[in-house]
Protein backbone atom coordinates (compact mmCIF):
# COMPACT_ATOMS: atom_id res chain seq x y z
CA MET A 1 229.46 139.54 147.88
CA SER A 2 230.77 136.49 149.34
CA ILE A 3 229.06 134.80 152.47
CA ARG A 4 230.98 134.52 155.47
CA ARG A 5 230.43 132.99 159.06
CA LEU A 6 229.80 135.24 161.82
CA PRO A 7 232.50 135.37 164.53
CA GLU A 8 231.10 133.69 167.87
CA HIS A 9 231.29 136.98 169.79
CA LEU A 10 229.20 138.66 167.14
CA VAL A 11 226.39 135.76 167.17
CA ASN A 12 226.33 135.97 170.94
CA ARG A 13 225.40 139.92 170.79
CA ILE A 14 222.72 139.18 168.11
CA ALA A 15 221.29 136.58 170.31
CA ALA A 16 221.48 139.05 173.28
CA GLY A 17 219.26 141.46 171.41
CA GLU A 18 216.45 138.84 171.43
CA VAL A 19 217.14 137.48 175.13
CA VAL A 20 218.55 140.77 176.80
CA GLU A 21 216.55 143.81 175.94
CA ARG A 22 217.02 145.64 179.33
CA PRO A 23 218.36 144.81 182.88
CA ALA A 24 214.96 143.46 183.64
CA SER A 25 215.40 140.77 180.99
CA ALA A 26 218.80 139.96 182.44
CA LEU A 27 217.54 139.71 185.76
CA LYS A 28 214.49 137.64 184.73
CA GLU A 29 217.05 134.94 183.04
CA LEU A 30 219.22 134.88 186.28
CA VAL A 31 216.34 134.47 188.90
CA GLU A 32 214.60 131.77 186.67
CA ASN A 33 218.11 129.95 186.68
CA ALA A 34 218.19 130.10 190.63
CA VAL A 35 214.69 128.74 190.49
CA ASP A 36 215.40 125.72 188.32
CA ALA A 37 218.67 125.06 190.57
CA GLY A 38 216.23 124.23 193.64
CA ALA A 39 216.96 127.51 195.54
CA ARG A 40 215.05 127.91 198.78
CA ARG A 41 216.27 131.55 199.07
CA ILE A 42 217.17 134.10 196.32
CA ALA A 43 218.71 137.48 197.05
CA VAL A 44 218.61 140.25 194.55
CA ARG A 45 220.57 143.44 194.50
CA LEU A 46 220.47 146.28 192.14
CA SER A 47 222.45 149.52 191.51
CA ASN A 48 221.08 152.55 189.62
CA GLY A 49 217.94 150.47 188.49
CA GLY A 50 220.09 147.52 187.10
CA LEU A 51 221.95 149.83 184.59
CA ASP A 52 225.27 149.82 186.58
CA GLY A 53 224.85 146.47 188.61
CA ILE A 54 222.77 143.35 189.08
CA GLU A 55 223.51 140.69 191.54
CA VAL A 56 221.53 137.26 192.07
CA SER A 57 222.54 134.97 194.76
CA ASP A 58 220.84 131.65 195.67
CA ASP A 59 221.28 128.55 197.80
CA GLY A 60 220.49 126.04 195.01
CA CYS A 61 222.52 122.94 193.68
CA GLY A 62 225.61 125.15 192.48
CA MET A 63 227.79 124.41 189.57
CA SER A 64 231.16 122.58 189.17
CA ARG A 65 234.21 124.24 187.55
CA ALA A 66 233.37 122.08 184.23
CA ASP A 67 229.72 123.09 184.34
CA MET A 68 230.43 126.55 184.86
CA ALA A 69 232.76 126.73 181.73
CA LEU A 70 230.12 124.85 179.67
CA ALA A 71 227.33 127.03 180.98
CA LEU A 72 228.90 130.22 179.22
CA GLU A 73 228.62 128.46 175.76
CA ARG A 74 225.55 128.90 173.57
CA HIS A 75 222.84 126.30 173.60
CA ALA A 76 224.46 124.35 176.65
CA THR A 77 221.83 123.59 179.29
CA SER A 78 221.18 120.97 182.06
CA LYS A 79 217.29 121.39 181.80
CA LEU A 80 216.63 119.25 178.60
CA PRO A 81 217.71 115.87 179.31
CA ASN A 82 216.70 114.55 175.88
CA ASP A 83 215.12 115.92 172.78
CA ALA A 84 211.59 116.32 173.79
CA ILE A 85 211.46 120.06 173.91
CA GLU A 86 207.69 119.77 173.97
CA MET A 87 207.88 118.31 177.36
CA VAL A 88 209.78 121.11 179.03
CA SER A 89 209.22 121.58 182.94
CA THR A 90 211.53 124.19 183.89
CA LEU A 91 211.55 127.77 183.18
CA GLY A 92 214.66 128.03 181.36
CA PHE A 93 215.72 125.39 178.56
CA ARG A 94 217.41 127.43 175.60
CA GLY A 95 220.67 127.62 176.81
CA GLU A 96 221.23 131.17 175.58
CA ALA A 97 220.98 133.30 178.68
CA LEU A 98 224.42 133.34 180.35
CA PRO A 99 226.29 133.55 177.37
CA SER A 100 224.08 136.38 175.84
CA ILE A 101 224.42 138.41 179.03
CA ALA A 102 228.10 137.88 179.13
CA SER A 103 228.60 139.09 175.63
CA VAL A 104 227.35 142.65 176.62
CA ALA A 105 228.41 143.07 180.04
CA ARG A 106 231.09 142.09 182.69
CA MET A 107 229.84 138.90 184.17
CA SER A 108 231.15 137.29 187.47
CA ILE A 109 230.05 133.89 188.48
CA GLU A 110 230.63 132.26 191.79
CA SER A 111 229.44 128.78 192.41
CA ARG A 112 229.94 125.81 194.76
CA PRO A 113 228.06 122.48 194.85
CA ASP A 114 227.63 119.97 197.67
CA GLY A 115 230.94 118.18 198.33
CA ALA A 116 233.12 120.43 196.23
CA GLU A 117 235.21 123.63 196.39
CA GLY A 118 233.82 126.94 195.16
CA TRP A 119 235.05 128.22 191.81
CA GLN A 120 234.63 131.85 190.13
CA ARG A 121 234.82 132.76 186.53
CA VAL A 122 235.05 136.53 185.18
CA VAL A 123 234.05 137.29 181.62
CA ASP A 124 233.93 140.79 180.28
CA ASN A 125 231.79 141.32 176.98
CA GLY A 126 232.54 137.81 175.78
CA ALA A 127 236.35 137.68 176.79
CA LEU A 128 237.43 135.56 179.76
CA LEU A 129 239.38 137.65 182.28
CA SER A 130 240.02 135.21 184.92
CA GLU A 131 239.14 132.09 187.07
CA GLY A 132 239.89 130.50 190.23
CA PRO A 133 238.99 129.36 193.42
CA ALA A 134 236.14 131.20 195.48
CA ALA A 135 235.15 131.20 199.03
CA ILE A 136 231.23 131.03 198.70
CA PRO A 137 228.50 128.82 200.53
CA ARG A 138 226.51 126.26 198.72
CA GLY A 139 224.76 128.00 195.68
CA THR A 140 225.58 130.46 193.09
CA ARG A 141 226.17 134.33 192.87
CA ILE A 142 226.26 136.12 189.75
CA LYS A 143 227.04 139.79 189.37
CA VAL A 144 226.18 141.48 185.95
CA GLU A 145 228.00 145.00 185.45
CA GLN A 146 227.94 147.70 183.17
CA LEU A 147 225.11 146.38 180.87
CA PHE A 148 225.39 147.39 177.00
CA ALA A 149 228.44 149.62 178.08
CA ARG A 150 230.30 148.62 174.85
CA VAL A 151 227.31 148.56 172.79
CA PRO A 152 226.02 152.28 172.76
CA ALA A 153 223.46 151.65 170.20
CA ARG A 154 221.57 149.41 172.68
CA ARG A 155 222.55 151.58 175.95
CA LYS A 156 221.09 154.79 174.57
CA PHE A 157 217.59 153.23 174.04
CA LEU A 158 217.42 152.08 177.73
CA ARG A 159 214.99 154.26 179.91
CA SER A 160 215.81 156.01 182.97
CA ALA A 161 216.98 154.31 186.10
CA ARG A 162 213.71 154.74 187.92
CA SER A 163 212.00 153.15 184.79
CA GLU A 164 214.42 150.26 184.53
CA TYR A 165 214.15 149.45 188.40
CA ALA A 166 210.33 149.56 188.16
CA ALA A 167 210.61 146.74 185.50
CA CYS A 168 213.10 144.61 187.56
CA LEU A 169 210.73 144.89 190.67
CA ASP A 170 207.90 143.63 188.36
CA VAL A 171 209.94 140.76 187.26
CA VAL A 172 210.98 139.77 190.73
CA LYS A 173 207.30 140.27 191.98
CA ARG A 174 206.08 137.94 189.19
CA LEU A 175 208.49 135.08 190.08
CA ALA A 176 208.04 135.31 193.56
CA MET A 177 204.23 135.20 193.18
CA ALA A 178 204.85 131.84 191.10
CA ARG A 179 206.85 130.20 193.88
CA PRO A 180 205.48 130.89 197.40
CA ASP A 181 207.66 128.13 198.66
CA ILE A 182 210.84 130.13 197.95
CA ALA A 183 212.02 133.21 200.01
CA PHE A 184 212.66 136.48 197.66
CA SER A 185 214.57 139.63 198.75
CA LEU A 186 215.29 142.81 196.56
CA GLU A 187 217.72 145.71 197.66
CA HIS A 188 218.11 148.65 195.38
CA ASP A 189 221.13 151.06 195.97
CA GLY A 190 221.30 149.85 199.37
CA ARG A 191 217.48 150.05 200.38
CA ARG A 192 215.41 147.16 200.74
CA ALA A 193 212.49 147.12 198.59
CA LEU A 194 210.99 143.79 198.91
CA GLY A 195 211.05 140.73 201.37
CA VAL A 196 209.04 137.60 201.29
CA GLN A 197 209.47 134.34 203.48
CA ALA A 198 209.46 131.00 202.13
CA ASP A 199 206.35 128.58 202.48
CA GLU A 200 203.80 131.19 202.48
CA GLY A 201 200.04 130.32 201.45
CA ARG A 202 199.47 131.43 197.67
CA GLU A 203 196.88 133.95 199.06
CA ASP A 204 199.41 135.51 201.31
CA ARG A 205 201.93 135.81 198.81
CA VAL A 206 199.83 137.31 196.25
CA ALA A 207 198.59 140.06 199.00
CA ALA A 208 201.99 140.73 200.06
CA LEU A 209 203.47 141.54 196.44
CA THR A 210 200.21 143.61 195.39
CA ASP A 211 198.18 145.17 198.23
CA ARG A 212 197.50 144.07 201.57
CA ALA A 213 193.80 145.14 201.16
CA LEU A 214 193.36 142.25 198.51
CA ALA A 215 193.52 140.03 201.56
CA ASP A 216 189.98 141.02 202.49
CA ASN A 217 188.65 142.03 198.82
CA HIS A 218 189.14 138.88 196.88
CA VAL A 219 187.58 135.38 195.84
CA ILE A 220 189.30 132.14 195.46
CA ILE A 221 189.44 130.24 191.97
CA ASP A 222 189.73 126.80 192.24
CA LEU A 223 188.63 124.77 188.67
CA VAL A 224 189.71 121.60 187.23
CA ARG A 225 188.68 120.33 183.73
CA ASP A 226 190.11 117.88 181.26
CA GLY A 227 193.28 117.31 183.57
CA ILE A 228 193.87 121.18 183.54
CA ALA A 229 193.77 122.95 186.94
CA LEU A 230 192.88 126.78 187.26
CA THR A 231 193.65 128.27 190.73
CA GLY A 232 194.50 131.76 192.10
CA VAL A 233 192.92 134.79 193.43
CA ALA A 234 190.60 137.42 191.85
CA GLY A 235 189.76 140.66 193.32
CA LEU A 236 186.13 141.89 193.76
CA PRO A 237 185.00 143.95 190.70
CA THR A 238 184.76 147.02 193.10
CA TYR A 239 188.35 146.54 193.97
CA ASN A 240 189.91 147.76 190.72
CA ARG A 241 192.67 150.01 189.33
CA GLY A 242 193.04 152.59 186.61
CA VAL A 243 195.76 150.42 184.86
CA ALA A 244 196.28 146.59 184.19
CA ASP A 245 199.60 146.55 186.13
CA HIS A 246 198.10 144.15 188.76
CA GLN A 247 196.97 141.22 186.33
CA PHE A 248 199.33 138.44 186.97
CA LEU A 249 198.93 135.13 184.90
CA PHE A 250 201.28 132.02 185.14
CA VAL A 251 201.19 128.84 183.09
CA ASN A 252 202.93 125.82 184.89
CA GLY A 253 204.62 128.37 187.10
CA ARG A 254 206.12 130.53 184.32
CA PRO A 255 204.86 134.11 184.31
CA VAL A 256 203.34 134.95 180.82
CA ARG A 257 202.07 137.97 179.34
CA ASP A 258 199.48 136.10 176.82
CA ARG A 259 196.94 138.00 174.99
CA LEU A 260 194.53 135.08 175.08
CA LEU A 261 194.56 135.18 178.87
CA VAL A 262 194.35 138.94 179.32
CA GLY A 263 191.22 138.84 176.85
CA ALA A 264 189.76 136.15 178.91
CA VAL A 265 190.07 138.18 182.14
CA ARG A 266 188.30 141.21 180.56
CA ALA A 267 185.50 139.18 179.32
CA ALA A 268 185.14 137.65 182.75
CA TYR A 269 184.71 141.02 184.23
CA ALA A 270 182.97 142.55 181.13
CA ASP A 271 179.66 143.53 182.61
CA MET A 272 180.95 144.36 186.02
CA LEU A 273 183.75 146.96 185.52
CA ALA A 274 183.88 150.40 183.60
CA ARG A 275 185.83 150.36 180.40
CA ASP A 276 188.64 152.21 181.94
CA ARG A 277 189.15 150.18 184.99
CA HIS A 278 190.93 146.88 185.26
CA PRO A 279 190.76 143.97 187.78
CA VAL A 280 193.39 142.54 190.13
CA VAL A 281 194.05 138.74 189.55
CA ALA A 282 196.64 136.48 189.91
CA LEU A 283 195.61 133.10 188.06
CA PHE A 284 197.93 130.15 187.87
CA LEU A 285 197.13 127.51 185.14
CA ASP A 286 198.64 123.86 185.70
CA MET A 287 198.77 121.76 182.59
CA PRO A 288 200.31 118.67 181.02
CA PRO A 289 203.53 120.13 179.26
CA GLY A 290 202.45 118.81 175.94
CA GLU A 291 199.32 120.77 176.05
CA VAL A 292 201.07 124.30 175.68
CA ASP A 293 204.14 125.47 173.67
CA VAL A 294 206.51 127.67 175.65
CA ASN A 295 209.04 127.70 172.51
CA VAL A 296 207.32 130.53 170.89
CA HIS A 297 210.08 133.48 171.69
CA PRO A 298 213.33 133.39 173.22
CA ALA A 299 211.89 135.53 176.11
CA LYS A 300 209.66 132.72 177.06
CA THR A 301 206.76 135.39 178.05
CA GLU A 302 204.32 134.19 175.19
CA VAL A 303 202.79 130.48 175.12
CA ARG A 304 200.35 128.79 172.76
CA PHE A 305 197.74 126.60 173.78
CA ARG A 306 196.74 123.35 172.08
CA GLU A 307 192.95 123.97 173.15
CA PRO A 308 192.77 127.88 173.43
CA ALA A 309 188.93 127.89 173.65
CA LEU A 310 189.16 125.55 176.53
CA ILE A 311 191.57 127.64 178.50
CA ARG A 312 189.55 130.91 177.68
CA GLY A 313 186.29 129.28 178.77
CA MET A 314 188.00 127.99 182.08
CA ILE A 315 189.02 131.55 183.04
CA VAL A 316 185.82 133.05 182.24
CA SER A 317 183.69 130.46 183.89
CA GLY A 318 186.26 130.02 186.84
CA ILE A 319 186.12 133.89 187.75
CA ARG A 320 182.30 134.39 187.16
CA ARG A 321 181.57 131.14 189.57
CA ALA A 322 183.77 132.49 192.25
CA LEU A 323 182.24 135.98 192.08
CA ASP A 324 178.69 134.17 192.06
CA ASP A 325 179.58 132.62 195.29
CA ALA A 326 180.67 135.67 196.75
CA GLY A 327 177.08 137.06 196.44
CA PHE A 328 176.63 140.72 197.39
CA ARG A 329 180.17 141.30 198.83
CA SER A 330 181.60 144.60 198.06
CA VAL A 331 184.86 146.42 198.85
CA GLN A 332 184.53 147.94 202.33
CA ARG A 333 187.30 150.56 202.62
CA ALA A 334 186.24 153.76 203.92
CA ASP A 335 187.63 156.73 201.60
CA PRO A 336 189.62 159.00 203.90
CA ALA A 337 188.56 161.90 202.07
CA GLY A 338 185.10 160.94 202.44
CA LEU A 339 185.40 160.44 206.39
CA GLY A 340 186.95 163.74 206.38
CA ALA A 341 183.81 165.47 205.33
CA TRP A 342 182.40 164.46 208.52
CA ARG A 343 183.54 167.28 210.81
CA ALA A 344 182.48 168.16 214.22
CA GLU A 345 180.01 171.14 214.27
CA PRO A 346 181.55 174.40 216.08
CA VAL A 347 180.31 174.66 219.50
CA SER A 348 177.47 177.04 219.93
CA PRO A 349 178.29 180.19 221.91
CA THR A 350 174.93 179.94 223.81
CA PRO A 351 174.75 177.32 226.31
CA ILE A 352 171.96 174.64 225.37
CA GLY A 353 170.12 174.99 228.57
CA THR A 354 169.54 178.83 228.22
CA MET A 355 168.33 178.31 224.53
CA PRO A 356 164.85 179.94 224.39
CA ILE A 357 161.89 177.74 223.69
CA PHE A 358 158.22 178.61 223.21
CA ASP A 359 155.22 177.00 224.78
CA ALA A 360 151.81 176.89 223.39
CA VAL A 361 150.87 180.55 224.06
CA GLY A 362 154.17 181.61 222.59
CA GLN A 363 155.69 182.56 225.73
CA ALA A 364 159.40 182.44 225.78
CA ALA A 365 161.17 180.14 228.33
CA THR A 366 164.12 178.06 228.60
CA LEU A 367 164.98 174.47 229.41
CA LEU A 368 166.37 175.48 232.82
CA ASP A 369 163.27 177.43 233.64
CA ARG A 370 161.06 174.63 232.73
CA ALA A 371 163.22 171.72 234.33
CA PRO A 372 162.38 172.10 237.98
CA ASN A 373 158.45 172.17 237.02
CA TYR A 374 159.05 169.09 234.91
CA GLN A 375 160.71 167.48 237.64
CA SER A 376 158.37 168.15 240.51
CA VAL A 377 154.92 168.20 238.61
CA ALA A 378 154.47 165.09 236.40
CA ASP A 379 151.36 166.57 234.60
CA ARG A 380 153.14 169.84 233.96
CA ARG A 381 155.06 168.44 230.82
CA PRO A 382 156.80 170.88 228.50
CA SER A 383 154.76 171.53 225.38
CA PHE A 384 157.81 170.54 222.93
CA LEU A 385 157.54 166.85 224.21
CA ALA A 386 154.98 164.40 222.75
CA PRO A 387 151.50 164.22 224.54
CA LEU A 388 150.48 161.52 226.72
CA PRO A 389 148.13 158.77 224.72
CA MET A 390 144.26 159.94 225.11
CA ALA A 391 141.51 157.82 225.57
CA ARG A 392 140.93 157.39 221.66
CA ALA A 393 141.31 155.10 218.80
CA GLU A 394 144.74 155.56 217.16
CA THR A 395 146.55 153.84 214.19
CA ALA A 396 148.96 151.29 215.51
CA GLU A 397 152.50 151.61 214.18
CA GLN A 398 153.90 148.46 212.77
CA ALA A 399 157.22 147.37 214.90
CA PRO A 400 160.17 147.56 212.57
CA PRO A 401 162.16 144.52 211.97
CA LYS A 402 165.30 143.72 213.82
CA ALA A 403 168.51 144.91 212.28
CA GLN A 404 170.08 141.64 213.49
CA SER A 405 168.12 139.62 211.09
CA PHE A 406 169.68 140.60 207.81
CA PRO A 407 173.20 140.94 206.69
CA LEU A 408 172.39 144.55 204.92
CA GLY A 409 170.07 145.38 207.84
CA VAL A 410 166.67 146.98 207.67
CA ALA A 411 165.85 150.26 205.87
CA ARG A 412 165.63 153.28 208.12
CA GLY A 413 165.21 156.03 205.64
CA GLN A 414 166.41 157.61 202.32
CA VAL A 415 168.89 160.52 201.65
CA ALA A 416 168.79 163.01 198.70
CA LYS A 417 166.22 160.66 197.01
CA THR A 418 169.23 158.45 195.85
CA TYR A 419 170.67 156.60 198.86
CA ILE A 420 169.01 154.11 201.13
CA VAL A 421 170.19 154.34 204.88
CA ALA A 422 169.69 150.95 206.64
CA GLU A 423 170.62 149.84 210.09
CA ALA A 424 172.66 146.52 210.38
CA GLU A 425 173.72 144.82 213.49
CA ASP A 426 177.36 146.02 213.22
CA GLY A 427 177.00 149.38 211.60
CA LEU A 428 175.13 151.85 209.36
CA VAL A 429 174.55 150.80 205.69
CA LEU A 430 174.32 153.12 202.76
CA VAL A 431 172.94 151.84 199.40
CA ASP A 432 172.99 153.53 195.86
CA GLN A 433 169.61 152.59 194.84
CA HIS A 434 170.17 153.08 191.15
CA ALA A 435 173.42 151.08 191.12
CA ALA A 436 171.88 148.16 193.21
CA HIS A 437 168.65 148.15 191.13
CA GLU A 438 170.70 148.03 187.88
CA ARG A 439 172.47 144.86 188.91
CA LEU A 440 169.50 143.22 190.14
CA VAL A 441 167.73 143.77 186.91
CA LEU A 442 170.70 142.56 184.75
CA GLU A 443 170.62 139.39 186.98
CA ARG A 444 167.17 138.84 186.29
CA MET A 445 167.37 139.15 182.55
CA ARG A 446 170.22 136.61 182.46
CA TRP A 447 167.88 134.09 184.47
CA ALA A 448 165.25 135.04 181.96
CA MET A 449 167.47 134.24 179.13
CA ASP A 450 168.56 130.77 180.46
CA GLY A 451 165.06 129.94 180.78
CA ALA A 452 162.17 130.71 178.69
CA GLY A 453 163.45 134.06 177.35
CA VAL A 454 162.61 137.68 178.51
CA PRO A 455 158.85 138.56 178.31
CA SER A 456 158.17 141.62 176.18
CA GLN A 457 155.46 144.40 176.65
CA ALA A 458 153.92 145.60 173.31
CA LEU A 459 153.72 149.27 173.04
CA LEU A 460 150.29 150.81 172.52
CA LEU A 461 151.63 153.14 169.89
CA PRO A 462 155.06 151.77 168.31
CA GLU A 463 157.95 154.34 168.61
CA VAL A 464 160.03 155.63 165.84
CA VAL A 465 163.63 156.21 166.64
CA GLU A 466 165.92 158.10 164.26
CA LEU A 467 169.33 156.94 163.83
CA ASP A 468 172.05 157.23 161.17
CA GLU A 469 172.18 154.60 158.51
CA PRO A 470 175.20 152.31 159.83
CA ALA A 471 173.69 152.34 163.33
CA CYS A 472 170.25 151.04 161.86
CA ASP A 473 172.13 148.54 159.78
CA ARG A 474 173.87 147.24 163.07
CA LEU A 475 170.61 147.02 164.88
CA GLU A 476 168.79 145.35 161.91
CA ALA A 477 171.61 142.68 161.86
CA ARG A 478 170.79 141.71 165.41
CA ILE A 479 166.95 142.16 165.39
CA ALA A 480 166.78 138.40 166.32
CA GLU A 481 169.22 138.34 169.39
CA LEU A 482 167.42 141.62 170.53
CA SER A 483 164.06 139.90 170.43
CA GLU A 484 165.13 137.29 172.99
CA PHE A 485 165.59 140.14 175.36
CA GLY A 486 162.08 140.98 174.66
CA LEU A 487 162.87 144.14 172.44
CA GLU A 488 160.96 143.87 169.01
CA LEU A 489 162.46 146.11 166.28
CA GLU A 490 161.74 146.69 162.76
CA ARG A 491 163.42 148.77 159.99
CA PHE A 492 161.56 151.81 159.34
CA GLY A 493 163.30 153.50 156.37
CA PRO A 494 167.09 153.87 155.81
CA ALA A 495 167.56 156.05 158.98
CA ALA A 496 165.15 154.83 161.25
CA MET A 497 164.09 151.95 163.62
CA LEU A 498 160.49 150.94 164.79
CA VAL A 499 160.00 149.78 168.29
CA ARG A 500 157.20 147.65 168.77
CA ALA A 501 157.67 146.14 172.20
CA THR A 502 160.21 146.51 174.94
CA PRO A 503 161.24 144.15 177.90
CA ALA A 504 158.50 144.00 180.46
CA MET A 505 160.73 143.95 183.27
CA LEU A 506 162.17 147.15 182.28
CA GLY A 507 158.70 149.13 182.76
CA ALA A 508 158.06 152.50 181.02
CA GLY A 509 161.49 153.82 180.04
CA ASP A 510 163.34 155.95 177.71
CA VAL A 511 163.06 154.10 174.44
CA GLN A 512 164.88 156.60 172.37
CA GLY A 513 167.84 156.27 174.86
CA LEU A 514 167.59 152.50 175.02
CA VAL A 515 167.89 152.12 171.15
CA ASN A 516 170.54 154.80 170.83
CA ASP A 517 172.79 153.09 173.65
CA LEU A 518 172.25 149.74 171.99
CA ALA A 519 173.33 151.14 168.58
CA ASP A 520 176.26 152.54 170.23
CA ASP A 521 177.41 149.30 172.06
CA LEU A 522 176.98 147.31 168.87
CA ALA A 523 179.67 149.76 166.93
CA ALA A 524 182.02 149.37 169.97
CA TYR A 525 181.89 145.35 170.44
CA ASP A 526 180.32 143.82 167.43
CA SER A 527 183.31 142.57 165.92
CA ALA A 528 185.63 142.13 168.71
CA LEU A 529 183.38 140.05 171.20
CA SER A 530 181.55 136.64 171.00
CA LEU A 531 177.93 136.47 170.69
CA LYS A 532 177.72 135.47 174.18
CA GLU A 533 179.58 138.59 175.28
CA ARG A 534 177.69 140.85 173.03
CA LEU A 535 174.44 139.71 174.60
CA ASP A 536 175.89 140.35 178.04
CA HIS A 537 176.36 144.14 176.93
CA VAL A 538 173.10 144.34 175.55
CA ALA A 539 171.59 142.90 178.73
CA ALA A 540 173.73 145.63 180.74
CA THR A 541 172.58 148.42 178.66
CA MET A 542 168.92 147.57 179.22
CA ALA A 543 169.34 147.11 182.90
CA CYS A 544 170.89 150.58 183.06
CA HIS A 545 167.71 151.88 181.47
CA GLY A 546 165.27 149.72 183.56
CA SER A 547 166.79 150.35 187.17
CA VAL A 548 165.21 152.51 189.76
CA ARG A 549 166.60 156.10 189.03
CA ALA A 550 168.33 158.39 191.35
CA GLY A 551 165.66 160.95 192.50
CA ARG A 552 162.95 158.57 192.91
CA VAL A 553 161.23 158.31 196.33
CA LEU A 554 160.83 154.99 197.74
CA SER A 555 158.82 153.50 200.33
CA VAL A 556 160.06 151.69 203.31
CA THR A 557 158.74 148.76 201.96
CA GLU A 558 160.39 148.91 198.44
CA MET A 559 163.56 149.93 200.07
CA ASN A 560 163.50 146.54 202.22
CA ALA A 561 162.36 144.59 199.40
CA LEU A 562 165.54 145.78 197.43
CA LEU A 563 167.87 145.17 200.39
CA ARG A 564 166.64 141.48 200.66
CA GLU A 565 167.07 140.91 196.80
CA MET A 566 170.48 142.06 196.96
CA GLU A 567 171.28 139.53 199.67
CA VAL A 568 170.26 136.70 197.64
CA THR A 569 171.64 137.98 194.17
CA PRO A 570 175.17 136.95 192.93
CA ARG A 571 177.51 139.86 192.07
CA SER A 572 175.07 142.31 193.58
CA GLY A 573 177.84 144.24 195.40
CA GLN A 574 178.68 146.15 192.43
CA CYS A 575 176.85 147.68 189.46
CA ASN A 576 177.46 146.93 185.81
CA HIS A 577 180.26 149.47 185.67
CA GLY A 578 182.36 148.23 188.72
CA ARG A 579 181.08 150.75 191.41
CA PRO A 580 180.25 149.51 194.87
CA THR A 581 176.39 149.39 195.31
CA TRP A 582 176.55 149.53 199.13
CA VAL A 583 178.93 150.68 201.56
CA LYS A 584 179.02 150.22 205.41
CA LEU A 585 180.05 152.45 208.17
CA GLY A 586 181.04 150.22 211.19
CA HIS A 587 180.08 151.13 214.65
CA ALA A 588 183.79 151.72 215.39
CA ASP A 589 183.95 154.28 212.47
CA ILE A 590 180.83 156.09 213.75
CA GLU A 591 182.48 156.19 217.31
CA LYS A 592 185.54 157.62 215.97
CA LEU A 593 183.57 160.23 214.22
CA PHE A 594 182.07 161.50 217.45
CA GLY A 595 185.34 161.27 219.25
CA ARG A 596 184.29 158.20 221.49
CA LYS A 597 187.52 156.39 220.34
């Protein structure tokens, strides 16, 4: 079998298989070219999810007739002025996108630079159909039609129009988020689906492209280290989603999907979110081009860092520091279903004034019967009212503190032995006592670990916990680490552990349940996480077992002490699983419930 050189059109189709996987891939390349051209306005139009048509218009620098012809040749680009590929500062640089797309679709390019006439060029699956003058304002307009129409092997693997449209929308959102100085618009089948104006603030642009509620439920990330800047916004842990589709990561303005960055975000929220919940973040890394390799894959969504440990540490510490500064903040969005449970009670058929009451001797009367006497004779007070003070020594009730003095208010009572009811200056605060105390215990353990360690309390009688042998092996391998938390274990045969001491701050808890949960956590995370992250999981598990349980009656003093500690403890707005520890029903919400507004 002899070796032959592949024809140019076949080479382009092979290259298109790497660069253009679906309509969203082609759209990404076209929008990136518009950004690199210095556009201030980019308009995208899609037909049938991009399967039938993609159009991208911009007001960038445009192309001359000669540049347009050269742009359709492979590996021809204006974005690498020299051979220093490691110093790439633009989104595109390979010179493969336009010829690859033109080899598997019908492409029409219209462009006009400043001081020149417009020109048009039409290419159908690699073959030039026509070219000539075009009436177009400064900039470029590219139309791509019938993608993969002549490549049925690729066309049949495309998804439905709805799925392809969702992928295209995600591409535009990510690029628009990276460049808040550019106006973006997107139309799908004649319907406007997205529109953002130029020169927006980064926070406003991120909120506009994700969820408007993020504007009130985020923290600002701002960290600089060794010439590398990390900025962006991160949602509060209680503002989370069931899927990780709202995590936007950018490196030098380039949207990326890097496993290192995704893992760092997960580690930053490790003890603040349930395992099946995901945070909402938009992180922007700006670094010297020589510190990152963007030439890993033709799609340019994967990158490699010269110092990956430094980048991961910056993301974890940057997010955690911002969440620490947020203090006890939590998402405060009233659940419509929850508010709907507050219904107006049916009106009683008996007028209130005629309802019977009973005096001290059991004789029935009504409020209307009593009212004249009460108004005319002061000493004939109805028996259901509190008696006047008598001339005797009585216990003086301590005046309650003023609600205006504290952000979370002062405790007024407890509901269902689970929720603390507090009155604040601007509304009613409900606190989940178990979730709140769980977070407080975890933070105390962390502070103790940073200091002299967690003090332990020896058990009067050591307790034996029976486990399977692999679980005992995992615990035995971590005995030294667990002792730093005040938990002293010994191996007690092949399938049991002996507990000699527990963390003092946990009090008298369920030793069996604690050791079992720690063994399960080590099985899930032992090999995947670093030592620090494993210790965080151990601390979170211990904190859950040492917190105030639902169903325990608290005194007013205990409730107020819990509220005051929450106000000064970082991240106390959510428990270790990402659920809010407190919610507030504002005065306006209360007035709506009673029909006052």
